[in-house]
Amino acid sequence: MHANKKILLVEDNEDMRENTAEILQLAQYKVITAANGKEGIEMAESENPDLIICDIMMPVLDGYGVLHMLSKNESTSSIPFIFLTAKAERSDLRKGMEMGADDYLTKPFDDIELLNAVESRLKKAELLKKDFANNIYGLNDFLKDAKGIETLKKLSEEGEIRIYRKKEEVYKENNYPKGVYFLNKGKVKTHKLNDFGKDLITGLYKEGDFFGYIPLFDEGKYSESATVMEDSELCLIPKDDFFSLVYKNAEVSKKFIKILSNNLREKEEQLVKLAYNSVRKKVADALVALYDRYKKEEDRETNFTITISREDLANLAGIATESTIRTLSDLKDEKLIDINVSKIIILNYEKLRKIQN
């Protein structure tokens, strides 16, 4: 089960080193050992282990020094790191966690404590290795996994849930953010006025999504407004709690940087489409975007139906409401969609997706 997982154990006490290694080997982990911090750093760099267990109090180089050196090296900075300490003093533990350690075990510990800590850290590391789409929704997928890795889910569950009514504003463009919003239930759009007073929808969010986080990183103001599209439940997670997730885990930070840097490319592509696509193509793309965002896996065999105002659809497509209404009528005549008052039923997703300019 664990035969392919390699653990580096850095411990200067021979008996402790041998006993701990034996427990891990019996659990089918591959174990390599180092007798001091200097040797541990060398082995971490050459062996590329899946996890490191390191004693704090060691001669030559202590555990803090080992963690500090490994965190500076890109090839070792994201390896899960568990401290072993004979001291249960809170200050020592806090120092280790603030430096970026993932967990700690206080000696003496039993077999179950050790194996549970190791398995937990390896599982969380696997979640972080998942690839996510390089766009704004990819960040949402990442956050949904990340909240299970750290405490974000707990924070969103413990936070106060506020009910927002349809068309109620969550935050306004040019206001300063107080934290990150978690959408517990409902639908939310982010939107922005252009120089001509035309509202453009810049993002769509569904149950389980986080939004409103980008201005936190540059300490700026919201560049867009957020409004609920239907009655929704939202929780505001304070920015200090959000940053505790981002900054205390090197792998989390790297994924944020990668995904956020790709958001610019997505926005550029959106602007190109708005500038050069035909009205027909823009409406089709807007319907495809709604399908991709809100179609649930369990409903894949049924026709997708969404309630959306013609104005919101026009704002998503970036065209006039009148043009949107005419195009919807054409698409209905072609049996690509059906219309029932404010509801739009997508009958042929593939043909909509393949519509050309």
Protein backbone atom coordinates (compact mmCIF):
# COMPACT_ATOMS: atom_id res chain seq x y z
CA MET A 1 0.00 0.00 0.00
CA HIS A 2 2.73 2.47 1.02
CA ALA A 3 5.67 0.73 -0.68
CA ASN A 4 6.17 3.57 -3.16
CA LYS A 5 6.24 6.28 -0.46
CA LYS A 6 9.69 7.27 0.74
CA ILE A 7 10.18 8.82 4.18
CA LEU A 8 13.35 10.52 5.41
CA LEU A 9 13.86 10.21 9.18
CA VAL A 10 16.38 12.64 10.70
CA GLU A 11 17.13 11.66 14.32
CA ASP A 12 20.40 11.72 16.26
CA ASN A 13 19.33 9.20 18.94
CA GLU A 14 20.12 5.77 17.52
CA ASP A 15 17.48 3.86 19.49
CA MET A 16 14.75 6.34 18.61
CA ARG A 17 15.87 6.35 14.97
CA GLU A 18 15.82 2.56 14.68
CA ASN A 19 12.51 2.10 16.52
CA THR A 20 10.71 4.79 14.51
CA ALA A 21 12.11 3.46 11.22
CA GLU A 22 10.96 -0.07 12.14
CA ILE A 23 7.38 1.11 12.77
CA LEU A 24 7.29 2.87 9.39
CA GLN A 25 8.82 -0.10 7.56
CA LEU A 26 6.26 -2.47 9.07
CA ALA A 27 3.59 -0.16 7.62
CA GLN A 28 5.19 -0.71 4.17
CA TYR A 29 6.91 2.67 3.87
CA LYS A 30 10.37 2.91 2.38
CA VAL A 31 12.55 4.57 5.05
CA ILE A 32 15.90 6.30 4.73
CA THR A 33 17.62 7.71 7.81
CA ALA A 34 20.09 10.44 8.74
CA ALA A 35 21.90 10.81 12.08
CA ASN A 36 22.18 14.60 12.05
CA GLY A 37 20.78 17.72 10.39
CA LYS A 38 23.61 18.21 7.90
CA GLU A 39 23.29 14.64 6.66
CA GLY A 40 19.50 15.04 6.56
CA ILE A 41 19.70 18.03 4.22
CA GLU A 42 22.03 16.15 1.87
CA MET A 43 19.74 13.12 1.77
CA ALA A 44 16.62 15.25 1.24
CA GLU A 45 18.25 16.87 -1.79
CA SER A 46 19.56 13.60 -3.28
CA GLU A 47 16.71 11.20 -2.40
CA ASN A 48 13.66 13.47 -2.92
CA PRO A 49 11.53 11.84 -0.21
CA ASP A 50 7.74 12.10 -0.05
CA LEU A 51 7.87 13.20 3.60
CA ILE A 52 10.47 14.21 6.19
CA ILE A 53 10.32 13.45 9.91
CA CYS A 54 12.93 15.45 11.80
CA ASP A 55 13.96 15.78 15.43
CA ILE A 56 14.29 19.35 16.73
CA MET A 57 17.11 18.99 19.26
CA MET A 58 20.19 17.68 17.41
CA PRO A 59 23.91 18.49 17.38
CA VAL A 60 25.64 20.02 14.31
CA LEU A 61 22.36 21.44 12.93
CA ASP A 62 19.03 21.38 14.76
CA GLY A 63 15.61 20.73 13.24
CA TYR A 64 14.86 24.42 12.82
CA GLY A 65 18.03 24.78 10.76
CA VAL A 66 17.11 21.76 8.64
CA LEU A 67 13.65 23.16 7.89
CA HIS A 68 15.08 26.61 7.14
CA MET A 69 17.64 25.25 4.66
CA LEU A 70 15.16 22.95 2.92
CA SER A 71 12.55 25.70 2.59
CA LYS A 72 15.08 27.84 0.66
CA ASN A 73 15.63 25.08 -1.91
CA GLU A 74 12.88 24.91 -4.57
CA SER A 75 13.29 21.13 -4.97
CA THR A 76 12.70 20.45 -1.27
CA SER A 77 10.57 23.37 -0.11
CA SER A 78 7.24 21.61 -0.69
CA ILE A 79 8.10 18.26 0.96
CA PRO A 80 5.76 17.68 3.94
CA PHE A 81 7.73 18.16 7.17
CA ILE A 82 6.92 16.71 10.62
CA PHE A 83 8.87 17.76 13.71
CA LEU A 84 9.75 15.37 16.53
CA THR A 85 10.19 17.07 19.86
CA ALA A 86 10.74 15.92 23.42
CA LYS A 87 9.53 19.33 24.58
CA ALA A 88 5.83 19.97 24.77
CA GLU A 89 6.37 23.67 25.33
CA ARG A 90 3.98 25.69 23.22
CA SER A 91 6.61 28.23 22.18
CA ASP A 92 8.76 25.53 20.57
CA LEU A 93 5.80 24.09 18.67
CA ARG A 94 4.62 27.53 17.56
CA LYS A 95 8.09 28.39 16.26
CA GLY A 96 8.17 25.22 14.16
CA MET A 97 4.72 25.75 12.69
CA GLU A 98 5.42 29.40 11.91
CA MET A 99 8.55 28.33 10.03
CA GLY A 100 6.39 26.12 7.81
CA ALA A 101 6.35 22.70 9.46
CA ASP A 102 3.20 20.74 8.60
CA ASP A 103 2.84 18.85 11.88
CA TYR A 104 4.66 17.76 15.02
CA LEU A 105 4.84 14.73 17.30
CA THR A 106 5.77 14.96 20.96
CA LYS A 107 7.98 12.18 22.34
CA PRO A 108 7.09 9.64 23.53
CA PHE A 109 4.49 8.80 20.88
CA ASP A 110 2.88 5.47 20.07
CA ASP A 111 2.71 3.62 16.76
CA ILE A 112 -0.81 4.84 15.91
CA GLU A 113 0.04 8.51 16.53
CA LEU A 114 3.05 8.25 14.23
CA LEU A 115 1.28 6.42 11.42
CA ASN A 116 -1.81 8.65 11.57
CA ALA A 117 0.34 11.79 11.31
CA VAL A 118 2.31 10.37 8.39
CA GLU A 119 -0.74 9.16 6.48
CA SER A 120 -2.58 12.44 7.03
CA ARG A 121 0.32 14.54 5.71
CA LEU A 122 0.86 12.30 2.67
CA LYS A 123 -2.84 12.45 1.74
CA LYS A 124 -2.85 16.24 1.97
CA ALA A 125 0.32 16.44 -0.11
CA GLU A 126 -1.36 14.33 -2.81
CA LEU A 127 -4.28 16.76 -2.96
CA LEU A 128 -1.86 19.62 -3.54
CA LYS A 129 -0.21 17.81 -6.45
CA LYS A 130 -3.46 17.77 -8.43
CA ASP A 131 -3.49 19.84 -11.58
CA PHE A 132 -6.12 22.55 -11.81
CA ALA A 133 -7.38 24.54 -14.78
CA ASN A 134 -5.32 27.67 -15.34
CA ASN A 135 -8.20 30.08 -14.98
CA ILE A 136 -10.27 31.80 -12.37
CA TYR A 137 -12.47 28.74 -11.90
CA GLY A 138 -9.40 26.55 -11.53
CA LEU A 139 -8.53 28.57 -8.46
CA ASN A 140 -11.96 27.79 -7.05
CA ASP A 141 -11.36 24.07 -7.58
CA PHE A 142 -8.00 24.41 -5.87
CA LEU A 143 -9.50 26.29 -2.94
CA LYS A 144 -12.16 23.64 -2.48
CA ASP A 145 -9.39 21.06 -2.08
CA ALA A 146 -7.22 23.42 -0.06
CA LYS A 147 -9.96 24.01 2.47
CA GLY A 148 -9.71 20.31 3.29
CA ILE A 149 -5.94 20.57 3.53
CA GLU A 150 -5.91 23.29 6.12
CA THR A 151 -8.65 25.04 8.08
CA LEU A 152 -10.52 26.99 5.42
CA LYS A 153 -13.45 24.60 5.34
CA LYS A 154 -13.69 24.75 9.11
CA LEU A 155 -13.61 28.54 8.95
CA SER A 156 -16.37 28.65 6.35
CA GLU A 157 -18.47 26.18 8.36
CA GLU A 158 -17.97 28.07 11.61
CA GLY A 159 -18.46 31.50 10.08
CA GLU A 160 -21.76 33.29 10.10
CA ILE A 161 -23.91 32.46 7.08
CA ARG A 162 -25.78 35.46 5.69
CA ILE A 163 -28.78 35.24 3.39
CA TYR A 164 -28.67 37.46 0.28
CA ARG A 165 -31.80 38.00 -1.77
CA LYS A 166 -31.91 37.92 -5.58
CA LYS A 167 -30.20 40.99 -7.11
CA GLU A 168 -28.72 42.04 -3.74
CA GLU A 169 -25.17 43.41 -3.93
CA VAL A 170 -22.43 41.53 -2.06
CA TYR A 171 -19.70 44.12 -2.58
CA LYS A 172 -19.22 47.16 -4.77
CA GLU A 173 -16.47 48.17 -7.18
CA ASN A 174 -13.84 50.44 -5.56
CA ASN A 175 -14.57 49.23 -2.03
CA TYR A 176 -11.81 47.62 0.04
CA PRO A 177 -12.15 43.88 0.72
CA LYS A 178 -12.55 42.51 4.24
CA GLY A 179 -11.95 38.90 3.33
CA VAL A 180 -12.91 36.08 0.99
CA TYR A 181 -16.49 35.10 0.27
CA PHE A 182 -17.58 31.47 0.31
CA LEU A 183 -20.77 30.67 -1.61
CA ASN A 184 -22.60 28.10 0.48
CA LYS A 185 -25.71 28.05 -1.72
CA GLY A 186 -26.95 29.89 -4.81
CA LYS A 187 -25.41 31.76 -7.73
CA VAL A 188 -23.30 34.94 -7.84
CA LYS A 189 -22.03 37.09 -10.70
CA THR A 190 -19.18 39.58 -10.71
CA HIS A 191 -19.66 42.48 -13.10
CA LYS A 192 -18.09 45.77 -14.16
CA LEU A 193 -19.24 48.94 -15.90
CA ASN A 194 -17.28 49.93 -19.00
CA ASP A 195 -16.56 53.52 -20.08
CA PHE A 196 -19.88 53.67 -21.90
CA GLY A 197 -21.94 52.61 -18.88
CA LYS A 198 -22.46 49.06 -20.19
CA ASP A 199 -22.42 46.34 -17.52
CA LEU A 200 -20.20 43.36 -18.33
CA ILE A 201 -20.33 40.08 -16.38
CA THR A 202 -16.75 39.08 -15.56
CA GLY A 203 -17.32 35.91 -13.52
CA LEU A 204 -19.93 33.31 -12.56
CA TYR A 205 -19.87 31.45 -9.23
CA LYS A 206 -21.79 28.49 -7.86
CA GLU A 207 -22.22 26.56 -4.62
CA GLY A 208 -18.82 25.71 -3.08
CA ASP A 209 -16.93 28.54 -4.78
CA PHE A 210 -14.75 31.23 -3.23
CA PHE A 211 -14.65 34.70 -4.77
CA GLY A 212 -13.46 38.24 -4.08
CA TYR A 213 -9.89 37.19 -3.21
CA ILE A 214 -7.81 38.87 -5.94
CA PRO A 215 -7.65 42.42 -4.46
CA LEU A 216 -6.42 40.94 -1.18
CA PHE A 217 -3.10 40.09 -2.79
CA ASP A 218 -2.25 43.64 -3.89
CA GLU A 219 -4.07 45.30 -0.98
CA GLY A 220 -6.18 47.14 -3.54
CA LYS A 221 -9.86 47.82 -4.08
CA TYR A 222 -12.41 45.63 -5.81
CA SER A 223 -12.16 46.15 -9.56
CA GLU A 224 -15.68 44.78 -10.05
CA SER A 225 -18.95 44.39 -8.15
CA ALA A 226 -20.60 41.15 -7.01
CA THR A 227 -24.36 40.53 -7.03
CA VAL A 228 -26.40 37.42 -6.28
CA MET A 229 -28.39 36.03 -9.22
CA GLU A 230 -30.82 34.12 -6.99
CA ASP A 231 -31.42 33.85 -3.24
CA SER A 232 -28.04 32.76 -1.86
CA GLU A 233 -26.16 31.88 1.33
CA LEU A 234 -22.71 33.46 1.77
CA CYS A 235 -20.02 33.36 4.42
CA LEU A 236 -17.26 35.99 4.72
CA ILE A 237 -13.90 34.51 5.78
CA PRO A 238 -11.63 37.21 7.29
CA LYS A 239 -8.53 37.97 5.24
CA ASP A 240 -6.14 37.07 8.09
CA ASP A 241 -7.56 33.54 8.19
CA PHE A 242 -7.37 33.30 4.40
CA PHE A 243 -3.73 34.39 4.34
CA SER A 244 -2.83 31.88 7.04
CA LEU A 245 -3.61 29.22 4.42
CA VAL A 246 -1.74 30.90 1.58
CA TYR A 247 1.46 31.90 3.34
CA LYS A 248 2.08 28.96 5.66
CA ASN A 249 2.39 26.32 2.97
CA ALA A 250 4.94 26.72 0.20
CA GLU A 251 3.10 24.45 -2.23
CA VAL A 252 -0.17 26.31 -1.71
CA SER A 253 1.60 29.61 -2.38
CA LYS A 254 3.18 28.32 -5.59
CA LYS A 255 -0.15 27.14 -6.93
CA PHE A 256 -1.75 30.51 -6.14
CA ILE A 257 0.99 32.31 -8.06
CA LYS A 258 0.67 29.99 -11.03
CA ILE A 259 -3.11 30.16 -11.26
CA LEU A 260 -3.37 33.90 -10.62
CA SER A 261 -0.75 34.63 -13.27
CA ASN A 262 -2.87 32.75 -15.80
CA ASN A 263 -5.96 34.79 -14.97
CA LEU A 264 -4.52 37.65 -17.01
CA ARG A 265 -4.38 35.44 -20.11
CA GLU A 266 -8.01 34.41 -19.59
CA LYS A 267 -9.11 38.04 -19.32
CA GLU A 268 -7.19 38.90 -22.48
CA GLU A 269 -8.93 36.07 -24.35
CA GLN A 270 -12.30 37.29 -23.09
CA LEU A 271 -11.57 40.80 -24.41
CA VAL A 272 -10.56 39.42 -27.82
CA LYS A 273 -13.82 37.46 -28.04
CA LEU A 274 -15.86 40.52 -27.08
CA ALA A 275 -14.05 42.58 -29.70
CA TYR A 276 -14.10 40.19 -32.66
CA ASN A 277 -16.80 37.53 -32.24
CA SER A 278 -20.13 37.90 -34.00
CA VAL A 279 -23.30 38.55 -31.98
CA ARG A 280 -24.44 34.98 -32.66
CA LYS A 281 -21.13 33.55 -31.46
CA LYS A 282 -21.14 35.74 -28.34
CA VAL A 283 -24.60 34.57 -27.29
CA ALA A 284 -23.70 30.94 -27.98
CA ASP A 285 -20.49 31.29 -25.94
CA ALA A 286 -22.44 32.84 -23.07
CA LEU A 287 -24.88 29.91 -23.04
CA VAL A 288 -21.98 27.44 -23.17
CA ALA A 289 -20.31 29.25 -20.25
CA LEU A 290 -23.53 28.97 -18.19
CA TYR A 291 -23.81 25.27 -19.04
CA ASP A 292 -20.17 24.59 -18.12
CA ARG A 293 -20.48 26.50 -14.87
CA TYR A 294 -23.83 25.34 -13.53
CA LYS A 295 -24.60 21.97 -15.08
CA LYS A 296 -24.40 19.35 -12.34
CA GLU A 297 -22.75 15.98 -12.91
CA GLU A 298 -25.81 14.07 -11.73
CA ASP A 299 -27.96 15.90 -14.32
CA ARG A 300 -25.79 15.15 -17.35
CA GLU A 301 -28.51 13.03 -18.97
CA THR A 302 -31.14 15.77 -18.83
CA ASN A 303 -31.42 19.04 -20.74
CA PHE A 304 -29.76 21.90 -18.88
CA THR A 305 -32.16 24.64 -17.76
CA ILE A 306 -31.19 27.97 -16.23
CA THR A 307 -33.22 30.95 -15.09
CA ILE A 308 -31.45 34.12 -16.21
CA SER A 309 -32.68 37.55 -17.26
CA ARG A 310 -32.09 38.63 -20.83
CA GLU A 311 -30.17 41.61 -19.45
CA ASP A 312 -27.78 39.37 -17.48
CA LEU A 313 -27.27 37.15 -20.53
CA ALA A 314 -26.55 40.24 -22.63
CA ASN A 315 -24.06 41.46 -20.02
CA LEU A 316 -22.34 38.08 -20.05
CA ALA A 317 -22.16 38.11 -23.85
CA GLY A 318 -21.13 41.78 -23.97
CA ILE A 319 -23.85 42.87 -26.38
CA ALA A 320 -27.13 44.83 -26.30
CA THR A 321 -30.19 43.22 -24.72
CA GLU A 322 -32.21 43.65 -27.92
CA SER A 323 -29.55 41.79 -29.94
CA THR A 324 -29.53 39.01 -27.35
CA ILE A 325 -33.31 38.58 -27.56
CA ARG A 326 -33.22 38.37 -31.38
CA THR A 327 -30.37 35.84 -31.31
CA LEU A 328 -32.12 33.68 -28.73
CA SER A 329 -35.17 33.59 -31.00
CA ASP A 330 -32.99 32.43 -33.91
CA LEU A 331 -31.35 29.72 -31.77
CA LYS A 332 -34.78 28.55 -30.66
CA ASP A 333 -35.95 28.29 -34.29
CA GLU A 334 -32.88 26.15 -34.99
CA LYS A 335 -33.86 23.91 -32.05
CA LEU A 336 -30.55 24.52 -30.25
CA ILE A 337 -32.40 25.94 -27.26
CA ASP A 338 -35.92 26.26 -25.93
CA ILE A 339 -37.38 29.19 -23.98
CA ASN A 340 -39.97 29.14 -21.22
CA VAL A 341 -40.52 32.68 -19.88
CA SER A 342 -37.21 33.49 -18.07
CA LYS A 343 -35.90 29.92 -18.37
CA ILE A 344 -33.53 28.88 -21.13
CA ILE A 345 -33.25 25.16 -21.93
CA ILE A 346 -30.16 24.05 -23.82
CA LEU A 347 -31.14 21.28 -26.25
CA ASN A 348 -27.89 20.90 -28.21
CA TYR A 349 -24.78 21.89 -26.27
CA GLU A 350 -22.30 20.56 -28.84
CA LYS A 351 -23.76 22.57 -31.72
CA LEU A 352 -23.82 25.73 -29.58
CA ARG A 353 -20.18 25.17 -28.66
CA LYS A 354 -19.15 24.70 -32.29
CA ILE A 355 -20.96 27.76 -33.69
CA GLN A 356 -18.54 29.79 -35.78
CA ASN A 357 -18.35 33.53 -36.43
